[in-house]
Amino acid sequence: MIIGVLKEAAAGESRVSATPSTVARLIALGYAVIVDADAGAAAHFTDEAYAGAGAEIGVAAGADIVMGINAPSVQQLDAMRSGTTLISILGPASNPALLDDLAHRGITALAMDAVPRISRAQSLDVLSSMANIAGYRAVIEAANAFGRFFTGQVTAAGKVPPAKVLVAGVGVAGLAAIGTAGGMGAIVCATDPRPEVADQVESLGGEYLAVASADTEVSATGYAKEMSQDYNARAAALYAQQLPDTDILITTALIPGRPAPRLVTAPMVAGMRRGSVVVDMAAASGGNVEGSVPGEVVVTPNGVTIIGYTDLPGRMASQASQFFGTNLVNLVTLMTPGKDGILELDWDDVVQRSITVTRDGEVTWPPPPVQVSAAAAAPAPTAAAPVQAKRVVSTRRRFLRVSVASVVLLLLVAASPAALRVHLTVFALAIVIGYYVIGSVHHALHTPLMSVTNAISGIIVVGALLQIGQGVPAITVIAFVAILLASVNVFGGFAVTRRMLSMFSKS
């Protein structure tokens, strides 16, 4: 089969759905590839580069499988045959007329923006790929408009405080923005109605600002849901409190199939400091910030810059095209089980079913729901009693063992010479203290802890060597055993540490 790579018809679109490197991977799957002339010119991919990868320069719309970034133009659709498979971003929830047109033309359409958010579909998720780039680029655009340092500095000319960044919405774009702003030295805070993202924010060095409300819950779809009036009022109070002290505000909140929620009002923007910057990444869907204009930069009367760019991924066209093309290659690989250049649509595969919006002259959108809850399953009610009983038995056994050990130790101390009693007491206390100290150390720190245990084992080896030649058989045996066990611990600790360090060494 032949795959066609369209030249994007949308004005200002600089991305392309395949790069020379992804074309080579498609050809390796057994496909022939035709690329429209100058399809990748805006992303700095020449026709010669495509030809060098094995593609033919021609008319892509006549191919068996047609790939694009956005929906094709009417002229491009007219050039497609009935039975063609179209793969691109189609916006099925908001473009029912387009779906009807595709079905009428007999085109099987796969919407890349309908990929379900499940683990095995992550490699196909173009929305996440583009959001990652958009979040990064949003911080770059904000830094350019801000005109001051992000990181704090102390110079001969004076002290510069770090910029304060607030990210509203912690999806893929929000996390990318948090990581980028934090990497540039800013103080980053973020808020989101999904409480499960708090750990993600903190792992990137940001501070999670929670909105106390009864309707915050773990997302069951991977996306934020529309919140209640109570939550919105509490969130508005949070923004009103934080924005006067915020230098950069980046909003990313979107609800699939609906207009973007309004998070920040004009009075809130008016309360920000002169020179502050707002990047409304949801401007194309109505905007999270009052006053943002899609595709434009607006400066408010109080000197706040509101950026409403809708082409943030396209401002990094080469990288965005590579990511998008890789997502498409992963999809084609999934749909080419024989690696023989034949595309097969598996209707029983939940991923392929979810993205197929038209097939055999019919509109197949919306697909059956896919549950992707991040919440842990609730424990079975009947499991509570056995677990509690097991815990009680374990505690009793532990108490019994400690009691027996204590009696044995007391008898041993009573029967031992006076000179040995002090050492036995120190030994018993060392066991107790060591148990509680080591038991309180997190597992991630066990490897660094080996250096301490190696030092202690070294002391044991030295002490045992001094005792092994005393001429008393019992002392000699005990000293030999001590040397053996301590040596095993020392050499074993160094061996394990070396293996772990080698994991981080460049080959």
Protein backbone atom coordinates (compact mmCIF):
# COMPACT_ATOMS: atom_id res chain seq x y z
CA MET A 1 0.00 0.00 0.00
CA ILE A 2 1.02 3.61 -0.58
CA ILE A 3 1.15 6.24 2.17
CA GLY A 4 0.74 9.90 1.20
CA VAL A 5 2.11 12.79 3.29
CA LEU A 6 0.06 15.94 2.74
CA LYS A 7 1.33 19.49 2.58
CA GLU A 8 -0.75 21.26 5.21
CA ALA A 9 -3.44 23.52 3.78
CA ALA A 10 -4.17 25.43 6.99
CA ALA A 11 -2.76 28.96 6.97
CA GLY A 12 0.31 29.33 9.18
CA GLU A 13 0.74 25.60 9.82
CA SER A 14 4.47 24.85 9.75
CA ARG A 15 4.41 21.22 10.86
CA VAL A 16 4.37 18.15 8.65
CA SER A 17 3.03 14.70 9.50
CA ALA A 18 6.17 12.80 8.50
CA THR A 19 9.89 13.57 8.53
CA PRO A 20 12.62 11.90 6.49
CA SER A 21 13.49 9.68 9.46
CA THR A 22 9.88 8.54 10.00
CA VAL A 23 9.46 8.00 6.25
CA ALA A 24 12.34 5.53 6.39
CA ARG A 25 10.57 3.65 9.20
CA LEU A 26 7.33 3.50 7.19
CA ILE A 27 9.20 2.10 4.22
CA ALA A 28 10.79 -0.51 6.50
CA LEU A 29 7.24 -1.68 7.32
CA GLY A 30 6.71 -2.45 3.64
CA TYR A 31 4.92 0.72 2.50
CA ALA A 32 5.69 3.02 -0.40
CA VAL A 33 5.60 6.73 0.52
CA ILE A 34 4.61 9.76 -1.59
CA VAL A 35 5.19 13.26 -0.20
CA ASP A 36 3.64 16.48 -1.53
CA ALA A 37 6.18 18.91 -2.93
CA ASP A 38 7.50 21.28 -0.23
CA ALA A 39 5.41 19.50 2.42
CA GLY A 40 8.17 19.84 4.99
CA ALA A 41 9.72 23.11 3.85
CA ALA A 42 8.36 25.14 6.77
CA ALA A 43 9.80 22.58 9.20
CA HIS A 44 13.20 22.65 7.43
CA PHE A 45 12.80 19.25 5.72
CA THR A 46 13.64 19.45 2.01
CA ASP A 47 12.24 17.35 -0.81
CA GLU A 48 15.77 16.05 -1.36
CA ALA A 49 15.84 14.76 2.22
CA TYR A 50 12.57 12.89 1.70
CA ALA A 51 13.83 11.45 -1.57
CA GLY A 52 17.02 10.39 0.14
CA ALA A 53 14.93 8.49 2.71
CA GLY A 54 13.20 6.56 -0.09
CA ALA A 55 10.05 8.63 -0.64
CA GLU A 56 8.65 9.83 -3.97
CA ILE A 57 7.69 13.47 -4.48
CA GLY A 58 4.22 13.61 -6.00
CA VAL A 59 0.50 13.99 -5.18
CA ALA A 60 -0.12 12.54 -1.73
CA ALA A 61 -3.93 12.79 -1.77
CA GLY A 62 -4.19 9.92 -4.25
CA ALA A 63 -2.50 7.40 -1.96
CA ASP A 64 -4.19 4.48 -0.17
CA ILE A 65 -3.37 5.98 3.23
CA VAL A 66 -3.20 9.75 3.63
CA MET A 67 -1.50 11.41 6.61
CA GLY A 68 -1.78 14.99 7.75
CA ILE A 69 -1.58 17.23 10.78
CA ASN A 70 -4.98 18.89 10.43
CA ALA A 71 -8.10 18.04 8.45
CA PRO A 72 -7.49 18.22 4.67
CA SER A 73 -8.89 21.03 2.55
CA VAL A 74 -11.87 20.47 0.27
CA GLN A 75 -9.51 20.30 -2.73
CA GLN A 76 -7.42 17.63 -1.03
CA LEU A 77 -10.54 15.66 -0.09
CA ASP A 78 -11.77 15.83 -3.68
CA ALA A 79 -8.51 14.19 -4.80
CA MET A 80 -9.01 11.23 -2.44
CA ARG A 81 -10.68 8.01 -3.59
CA SER A 82 -13.45 6.14 -1.81
CA GLY A 83 -11.81 3.59 0.48
CA THR A 84 -8.90 5.85 1.34
CA THR A 85 -7.76 5.82 4.97
CA LEU A 86 -7.18 9.31 6.38
CA ILE A 87 -5.10 9.78 9.53
CA SER A 88 -4.90 13.25 11.09
CA ILE A 89 -6.27 15.52 13.81
CA LEU A 90 -9.97 15.86 13.00
CA GLY A 91 -11.68 17.23 16.14
CA PRO A 92 -14.58 14.76 15.90
CA ALA A 93 -16.40 16.18 18.93
CA SER A 94 -16.63 19.65 17.43
CA ASN A 95 -16.77 18.89 13.67
CA PRO A 96 -19.82 16.69 13.00
CA ALA A 97 -20.20 18.17 9.51
CA LEU A 98 -16.67 17.06 8.62
CA LEU A 99 -17.42 13.52 9.79
CA ASP A 100 -20.60 13.43 7.70
CA ASP A 101 -18.63 14.60 4.67
CA LEU A 102 -15.91 11.97 5.20
CA ALA A 103 -18.50 9.22 5.60
CA HIS A 104 -20.32 10.39 2.44
CA ARG A 105 -17.05 10.21 0.51
CA GLY A 106 -16.42 6.65 1.74
CA ILE A 107 -13.23 7.62 3.57
CA THR A 108 -12.14 5.68 6.65
CA ALA A 109 -10.98 8.39 9.03
CA LEU A 110 -8.75 7.90 12.07
CA ALA A 111 -8.69 10.90 14.43
CA MET A 112 -5.34 11.14 16.20
CA ASP A 113 -6.86 13.50 18.76
CA ALA A 114 -9.22 10.72 19.89
CA VAL A 115 -6.54 8.36 21.21
CA PRO A 116 -7.71 7.03 24.61
CA ARG A 117 -5.52 7.86 27.58
CA ILE A 118 -4.50 4.34 28.50
CA SER A 119 -0.97 3.06 29.05
CA ARG A 120 -0.49 1.14 25.82
CA ALA A 121 -1.76 4.04 23.72
CA GLN A 122 0.73 6.59 25.05
CA SER A 123 3.07 6.10 22.10
CA LEU A 124 0.25 7.19 19.75
CA ASP A 125 -0.98 10.19 21.75
CA VAL A 126 -0.28 13.23 19.58
CA LEU A 127 -2.14 15.51 21.98
CA SER A 128 0.35 14.68 24.72
CA SER A 129 3.28 15.03 22.32
CA MET A 130 2.12 18.44 21.15
CA ALA A 131 1.14 19.55 24.65
CA ASN A 132 4.63 18.70 25.89
CA ILE A 133 6.15 21.00 23.27
CA ALA A 134 3.50 23.68 23.83
CA GLY A 135 4.15 23.77 27.59
CA TYR A 136 7.87 24.18 27.00
CA ARG A 137 7.36 26.85 24.36
CA ALA A 138 4.87 28.75 26.55
CA VAL A 139 7.59 29.33 29.13
CA ILE A 140 10.03 30.45 26.41
CA GLU A 141 7.49 32.94 25.05
CA ALA A 142 6.75 34.18 28.57
CA ALA A 143 10.45 34.62 29.33
CA ASN A 144 10.90 36.60 26.13
CA ALA A 145 8.03 38.95 26.98
CA PHE A 146 8.98 39.16 30.68
CA GLY A 147 12.36 40.69 29.91
CA ARG A 148 13.93 39.84 33.28
CA PHE A 149 15.79 36.95 34.86
CA PHE A 150 13.88 33.83 35.86
CA THR A 151 16.56 32.74 38.31
CA GLY A 152 17.58 34.80 41.30
CA GLN A 153 21.04 36.37 41.14
CA VAL A 154 23.35 38.36 43.34
CA THR A 155 25.54 40.66 41.26
CA ALA A 156 27.71 43.70 41.77
CA ALA A 157 24.86 45.72 40.32
CA GLY A 158 22.39 44.44 42.90
CA LYS A 159 20.29 41.48 43.94
CA VAL A 160 17.72 40.03 41.52
CA PRO A 161 14.85 37.98 43.03
CA PRO A 162 13.69 34.85 41.18
CA ALA A 163 10.56 35.08 39.05
CA LYS A 164 7.37 33.61 40.46
CA VAL A 165 5.44 31.39 38.06
CA LEU A 166 1.90 30.06 38.54
CA VAL A 167 0.68 27.22 36.30
CA ALA A 168 -3.07 26.64 36.15
CA GLY A 169 -3.83 23.12 34.98
CA VAL A 170 -1.37 20.28 35.49
CA GLY A 171 -1.81 18.13 32.42
CA VAL A 172 1.02 17.28 30.05
CA ALA A 173 1.42 20.92 29.00
CA GLY A 174 1.31 22.12 32.60
CA LEU A 175 3.94 19.62 33.73
CA ALA A 176 6.19 20.63 30.83
CA ALA A 177 5.78 24.28 31.82
CA ILE A 178 6.55 23.50 35.46
CA GLY A 179 9.70 21.58 34.55
CA THR A 180 10.90 24.27 32.14
CA ALA A 181 10.25 27.21 34.46
CA GLY A 182 11.82 25.38 37.39
CA GLY A 183 14.84 24.49 35.29
CA MET A 184 15.27 28.17 34.49
CA GLY A 185 15.40 28.98 38.20
CA ALA A 186 11.91 30.33 38.83
CA ILE A 187 9.78 29.67 41.90
CA VAL A 188 6.90 27.59 40.52
CA CYS A 189 3.45 26.96 41.97
CA ALA A 190 0.66 25.02 40.28
CA THR A 191 -2.98 24.20 40.87
CA ASP A 192 -5.36 21.64 39.40
CA PRO A 193 -8.72 20.14 40.45
CA ARG A 194 -7.25 16.60 40.33
CA PRO A 195 -5.57 15.87 43.66
CA GLU A 196 -3.52 13.01 42.20
CA VAL A 197 -1.24 15.46 40.37
CA ALA A 198 0.18 16.91 43.59
CA ASP A 199 3.02 14.39 43.69
CA GLN A 200 3.85 15.10 40.04
CA VAL A 201 4.11 18.83 40.72
CA GLU A 202 6.34 18.29 43.74
CA SER A 203 8.54 15.82 41.84
CA LEU A 204 9.36 18.64 39.40
CA GLY A 205 10.26 21.02 42.21
CA GLY A 206 6.99 22.95 42.21
CA GLU A 207 4.52 23.66 44.99
CA TYR A 208 0.99 22.32 44.62
CA LEU A 209 -1.75 24.77 45.61
CA ALA A 210 -4.84 22.82 46.57
CA VAL A 211 -8.33 24.24 46.31
CA ALA A 212 -10.29 22.98 49.32
CA SER A 213 -13.58 21.71 47.95
CA ALA A 214 -15.81 18.70 48.39
CA ASP A 215 -15.93 17.87 44.68
CA THR A 216 -12.20 17.41 44.06
CA GLU A 217 -11.71 13.81 43.06
CA VAL A 218 -9.42 11.43 41.22
CA SER A 219 -9.99 11.71 37.48
CA ALA A 220 -11.61 8.70 35.81
CA THR A 221 -10.75 9.76 32.25
CA GLY A 222 -7.27 11.21 32.47
CA TYR A 223 -8.71 14.71 31.97
CA ALA A 224 -10.02 17.35 34.35
CA LYS A 225 -13.78 17.42 34.67
CA GLU A 226 -16.11 20.41 34.78
CA MET A 227 -16.18 21.63 38.36
CA SER A 228 -19.04 22.86 40.53
CA GLN A 229 -19.86 26.48 41.30
CA ASP A 230 -18.50 25.99 44.81
CA TYR A 231 -15.14 24.82 43.50
CA ASN A 232 -14.98 27.62 40.93
CA ALA A 233 -15.62 30.21 43.63
CA ARG A 234 -12.87 28.79 45.82
CA ALA A 235 -10.48 28.61 42.86
CA ALA A 236 -11.24 32.23 41.98
CA ALA A 237 -10.36 33.24 45.54
CA LEU A 238 -7.06 31.35 45.20
CA TYR A 239 -6.19 33.15 41.95
CA ALA A 240 -7.16 36.51 43.41
CA GLN A 241 -4.81 35.84 46.31
CA GLN A 242 -1.86 34.55 44.27
CA LEU A 243 -1.85 36.72 41.13
CA PRO A 244 -0.78 40.06 42.70
CA ASP A 245 2.49 38.37 43.66
CA THR A 246 2.88 36.38 40.41
CA ASP A 247 5.21 37.38 37.58
CA ILE A 248 4.22 34.70 35.04
CA LEU A 249 0.82 33.00 34.74
CA ILE A 250 0.44 30.04 32.37
CA THR A 251 -3.04 28.58 31.95
CA THR A 252 -3.61 25.19 30.31
CA ALA A 253 -7.10 24.15 31.46
CA LEU A 254 -9.20 22.42 28.80
CA ILE A 255 -12.28 20.19 28.96
CA PRO A 256 -12.62 17.90 25.90
CA GLY A 257 -15.53 18.84 23.69
CA ARG A 258 -16.39 22.02 25.61
CA PRO A 259 -15.23 25.65 25.69
CA ALA A 260 -12.25 26.32 27.92
CA PRO A 261 -13.24 27.22 31.49
CA ARG A 262 -12.78 30.85 32.47
CA LEU A 263 -10.30 30.85 35.34
CA VAL A 264 -9.00 34.41 35.48
CA THR A 265 -11.19 37.50 35.15
CA ALA A 266 -10.23 40.97 34.00
CA PRO A 267 -10.17 42.37 37.57
CA MET A 268 -7.70 39.63 38.52
CA VAL A 269 -5.46 40.60 35.61
CA ALA A 270 -5.77 44.22 36.64
CA GLY A 271 -4.45 43.27 40.06
CA MET A 272 -1.21 41.85 38.64
CA ARG A 273 2.01 43.85 38.69
CA ARG A 274 3.05 45.92 35.68
CA GLY A 275 5.35 43.88 33.48
CA SER A 276 3.76 40.55 34.40
CA VAL A 277 3.04 38.05 31.62
CA VAL A 278 0.08 35.73 31.03
CA VAL A 279 0.22 32.87 28.52
CA ASP A 280 -3.28 31.55 27.78
CA MET A 281 -2.70 28.17 26.17
CA ALA A 282 -6.46 27.64 25.87
CA ALA A 283 -7.03 30.80 23.81
CA ALA A 284 -8.15 28.80 20.75
CA SER A 285 -11.00 27.23 22.77
CA GLY A 286 -12.33 30.44 24.27
CA GLY A 287 -9.54 31.18 26.71
CA ASN A 288 -8.93 30.65 30.41
CA VAL A 289 -8.13 34.36 30.82
CA GLU A 290 -10.52 37.19 30.14
CA GLY A 291 -9.02 39.50 27.56
CA SER A 292 -6.90 36.97 25.69
CA VAL A 293 -7.20 37.00 21.90
CA PRO A 294 -6.45 33.85 19.88
CA GLY A 295 -3.19 34.19 17.99
CA GLU A 296 -2.39 37.65 19.31
CA VAL A 297 -0.49 39.45 22.09
CA VAL A 298 -2.48 41.95 24.13
CA VAL A 299 -1.10 44.47 26.62
CA THR A 300 -3.61 45.59 29.24
CA PRO A 301 -3.85 49.19 30.51
CA ASN A 302 -1.94 48.21 33.67
CA GLY A 303 0.95 46.80 31.60
CA VAL A 304 0.23 43.05 31.77
CA THR A 305 1.09 41.15 28.58
CA ILE A 306 -1.45 38.44 27.61
CA ILE A 307 -0.16 35.98 25.01
CA GLY A 308 -2.83 34.01 23.16
CA TYR A 309 -0.73 32.10 20.64
CA THR A 310 -2.52 29.07 19.21
CA ASP A 311 0.47 27.69 17.30
CA LEU A 312 2.92 26.99 20.14
CA PRO A 313 3.89 23.51 18.85
CA GLY A 314 4.28 24.96 15.36
CA ARG A 315 6.80 27.46 16.69
CA MET A 316 9.07 24.44 17.14
CA ALA A 317 8.10 22.88 13.83
CA SER A 318 11.03 20.49 13.39
CA GLN A 319 10.66 18.93 16.84
CA ALA A 320 6.86 18.88 16.67
CA SER A 321 6.92 17.21 13.25
CA GLN A 322 9.32 14.56 14.53
CA PHE A 323 7.10 13.80 17.53
CA PHE A 324 3.93 13.75 15.42
CA GLY A 325 5.54 11.57 12.78
CA THR A 326 6.75 9.12 15.42
CA ASN A 327 3.23 8.86 16.85
CA LEU A 328 1.94 8.04 13.36
CA VAL A 329 4.66 5.43 12.82
CA ASN A 330 3.67 3.78 16.10
CA LEU A 331 0.05 3.66 14.94
CA VAL A 332 0.93 2.24 11.55
CA THR A 333 3.16 -0.34 13.22
CA LEU A 334 0.22 -1.38 15.42
CA MET A 335 -2.01 -1.70 12.36
CA THR A 336 0.56 -3.60 10.29
CA PRO A 337 0.95 -6.87 12.23
CA GLY A 338 2.55 -8.64 9.28
CA LYS A 339 5.12 -5.88 8.59
CA ASP A 340 4.12 -6.39 4.95
CA GLY A 341 2.87 -2.92 3.99
CA ILE A 342 -0.82 -3.88 4.46
CA LEU A 343 -2.85 -1.73 6.86
CA GLU A 344 -5.38 -3.78 8.86
CA LEU A 345 -8.06 -2.18 11.02
CA ASP A 346 -8.76 -4.34 14.08
CA TRP A 347 -12.26 -3.38 15.22
CA ASP A 348 -11.84 -5.36 18.44
CA ASP A 349 -8.79 -3.33 19.51
CA VAL A 350 -10.01 -0.61 21.88
CA VAL A 351 -7.37 1.85 20.66
CA GLN A 352 -8.14 1.43 16.96
CA ARG A 353 -11.87 1.45 17.62
CA SER A 354 -11.62 4.66 19.65
CA ILE A 355 -9.85 6.65 16.95
CA THR A 356 -11.94 5.42 14.02
CA VAL A 357 -14.56 8.12 13.45
CA THR A 358 -15.88 7.06 10.01
CA ARG A 359 -15.91 3.62 8.38
CA ASP A 360 -17.77 1.99 5.49
CA GLY A 361 -19.75 5.13 4.79
CA GLU A 362 -20.93 5.55 8.40
CA VAL A 363 -20.00 7.87 11.24
CA THR A 364 -18.66 5.73 14.11
CA TRP A 365 -18.12 8.56 16.58
CA PRO A 366 -18.40 8.57 19.55
CA PRO A 367 -16.76 5.27 20.44
CA PRO A 368 -17.69 3.12 23.44
CA PRO A 369 -16.32 4.65 26.66
CA VAL A 370 -12.90 3.55 27.86
CA GLN A 371 -12.39 3.59 31.63
CA VAL A 372 -8.93 4.89 32.53
CA SER A 373 -9.38 5.65 36.22
CA ALA A 374 -6.27 6.51 38.17
CA ALA A 375 -7.97 5.66 41.45
CA ALA A 376 -6.98 2.55 43.34
CA ALA A 377 -9.58 -0.17 43.60
CA ALA A 378 -11.49 -0.21 46.86
CA PRO A 379 -10.67 -3.16 49.12
CA ALA A 380 -13.28 -5.89 49.42
CA PRO A 381 -15.36 -5.57 52.61
CA THR A 382 -14.84 -9.21 53.52
CA ALA A 383 -11.08 -8.81 53.49
CA ALA A 384 -11.00 -6.53 56.54
CA ALA A 385 -11.50 -9.24 59.19
CA PRO A 386 -8.79 -11.68 57.99
CA VAL A 387 -6.25 -8.87 57.61
CA GLN A 388 -6.90 -7.63 61.14
CA ALA A 389 -6.67 -11.18 62.54
CA LYS A 390 -3.37 -11.75 60.78
CA ARG A 391 -2.00 -8.50 62.18
CA VAL A 392 -2.94 -9.53 65.74
CA VAL A 393 -1.28 -12.93 65.39
CA SER A 394 1.88 -11.32 64.00
CA THR A 395 2.06 -8.90 66.93
CA ARG A 396 1.67 -11.71 69.45
CA ARG A 397 4.41 -13.74 67.82
CA ARG A 398 6.72 -10.76 67.76
CA PHE A 399 6.08 -10.09 71.45
CA LEU A 400 6.72 -13.73 72.30
CA ARG A 401 10.00 -13.77 70.40
CA VAL A 402 11.21 -10.57 72.05
CA SER A 403 10.30 -11.94 75.46
CA VAL A 404 12.19 -15.21 74.88
CA ALA A 405 15.22 -13.33 73.55
CA SER A 406 15.19 -11.04 76.58
CA VAL A 407 15.07 -13.99 79.00
CA VAL A 408 17.92 -15.71 77.18
CA LEU A 409 19.99 -12.52 77.24
CA LEU A 410 19.36 -12.02 80.98
CA LEU A 411 20.38 -15.61 81.71
CA LEU A 412 23.48 -15.19 79.57
CA VAL A 413 24.42 -11.97 81.37
CA ALA A 414 23.83 -13.59 84.77
CA ALA A 415 26.03 -16.57 83.90
CA SER A 416 28.83 -14.58 82.30
CA PRO A 417 31.89 -13.14 84.02
CA ALA A 418 31.70 -9.56 85.24
CA ALA A 419 34.09 -8.34 82.52
CA LEU A 420 31.82 -9.74 79.81
CA ARG A 421 28.56 -8.31 81.15
CA VAL A 422 29.39 -4.79 80.04
CA HIS A 423 30.10 -5.98 76.49
CA LEU A 424 26.89 -8.02 76.35
CA THR A 425 24.88 -5.02 77.51
CA VAL A 426 26.47 -2.80 74.86
CA PHE A 427 25.84 -5.51 72.26
CA ALA A 428 22.14 -5.77 73.17
CA LEU A 429 21.67 -2.01 73.11
CA ALA A 430 23.46 -1.80 69.74
CA ILE A 431 21.05 -4.37 68.28
CA VAL A 432 18.00 -2.44 69.49
CA ILE A 433 19.29 0.96 68.37
CA GLY A 434 20.53 -0.39 65.03
CA TYR A 435 17.19 -2.03 64.31
CA TYR A 436 15.21 1.16 64.84
CA VAL A 437 17.74 3.38 63.04
CA ILE A 438 18.04 1.16 59.95
CA GLY A 439 14.33 0.39 59.93
CA SER A 440 13.52 4.09 59.68
CA VAL A 441 15.76 4.65 56.63
CA HIS A 442 13.93 4.84 53.29
CA HIS A 443 14.69 2.04 50.83
CA ALA A 444 16.14 4.55 48.35
CA LEU A 445 18.90 5.34 50.87
CA HIS A 446 19.95 1.77 51.60
CA THR A 447 22.75 1.85 49.05
CA PRO A 448 24.42 4.99 50.51
CA LEU A 449 23.94 3.37 53.93
CA MET A 450 26.22 0.52 52.81
CA SER A 451 29.24 2.81 53.16
CA VAL A 452 28.45 3.20 56.87
CA THR A 453 27.94 -0.53 57.40
CA ASN A 454 31.20 -1.22 55.54
CA ALA A 455 33.03 1.06 57.97
CA ILE A 456 31.46 -0.72 60.96
CA SER A 457 32.33 -4.09 59.46
CA GLY A 458 35.91 -2.91 59.03
CA ILE A 459 36.07 -2.09 62.74
CA ILE A 460 34.77 -5.59 63.51
CA VAL A 461 37.44 -7.17 61.32
CA VAL A 462 40.20 -5.22 63.07
CA GLY A 463 38.85 -6.09 66.52
CA ALA A 464 38.50 -9.77 65.67
CA LEU A 465 42.05 -9.89 64.29
CA LEU A 466 43.32 -8.59 67.63
CA GLN A 467 41.40 -11.29 69.51
CA ILE A 468 42.05 -14.30 67.28
CA GLY A 469 45.54 -14.96 68.67
CA GLN A 470 44.65 -14.99 72.38
CA GLY A 471 45.06 -18.78 72.68
CA VAL A 472 41.53 -19.44 73.94
CA PRO A 473 39.70 -21.80 71.51
CA ALA A 474 36.25 -20.26 72.07
CA ILE A 475 37.53 -16.72 71.47
CA THR A 476 39.43 -17.89 68.39
CA VAL A 477 36.29 -19.49 66.89
CA ILE A 478 34.13 -16.45 67.62
CA ALA A 479 36.79 -14.11 66.20
CA PHE A 480 37.10 -16.24 63.05
CA VAL A 481 33.33 -16.20 62.50
CA ALA A 482 33.30 -12.42 63.05
CA ILE A 483 36.08 -11.91 60.51
CA LEU A 484 34.29 -14.14 57.98
CA LEU A 485 30.89 -12.46 58.28
CA ALA A 486 32.29 -8.93 58.37
CA SER A 487 34.47 -9.60 55.32
CA VAL A 488 31.49 -10.93 53.39
CA ASN A 489 29.57 -7.78 54.28
CA VAL A 490 32.45 -5.49 53.23
CA PHE A 491 33.20 -7.14 49.89
CA GLY A 492 29.50 -7.72 49.14
CA GLY A 493 28.68 -4.07 49.88
CA PHE A 494 31.40 -2.80 47.58
CA ALA A 495 30.32 -5.23 44.83
CA VAL A 496 26.67 -4.13 44.99
CA THR A 497 27.61 -0.45 45.12
CA ARG A 498 29.90 -0.83 42.11
CA ARG A 499 27.17 -2.52 40.08
CA MET A 500 24.70 0.23 40.91
CA LEU A 501 27.16 2.98 40.04
CA SER A 502 27.90 1.29 36.71
CA MET A 503 24.23 1.72 35.78
CA PHE A 504 24.80 5.49 35.67
CA SER A 505 28.13 5.37 33.86
CA LYS A 506 28.38 6.08 30.17
CA SER A 507 29.52 3.11 28.10
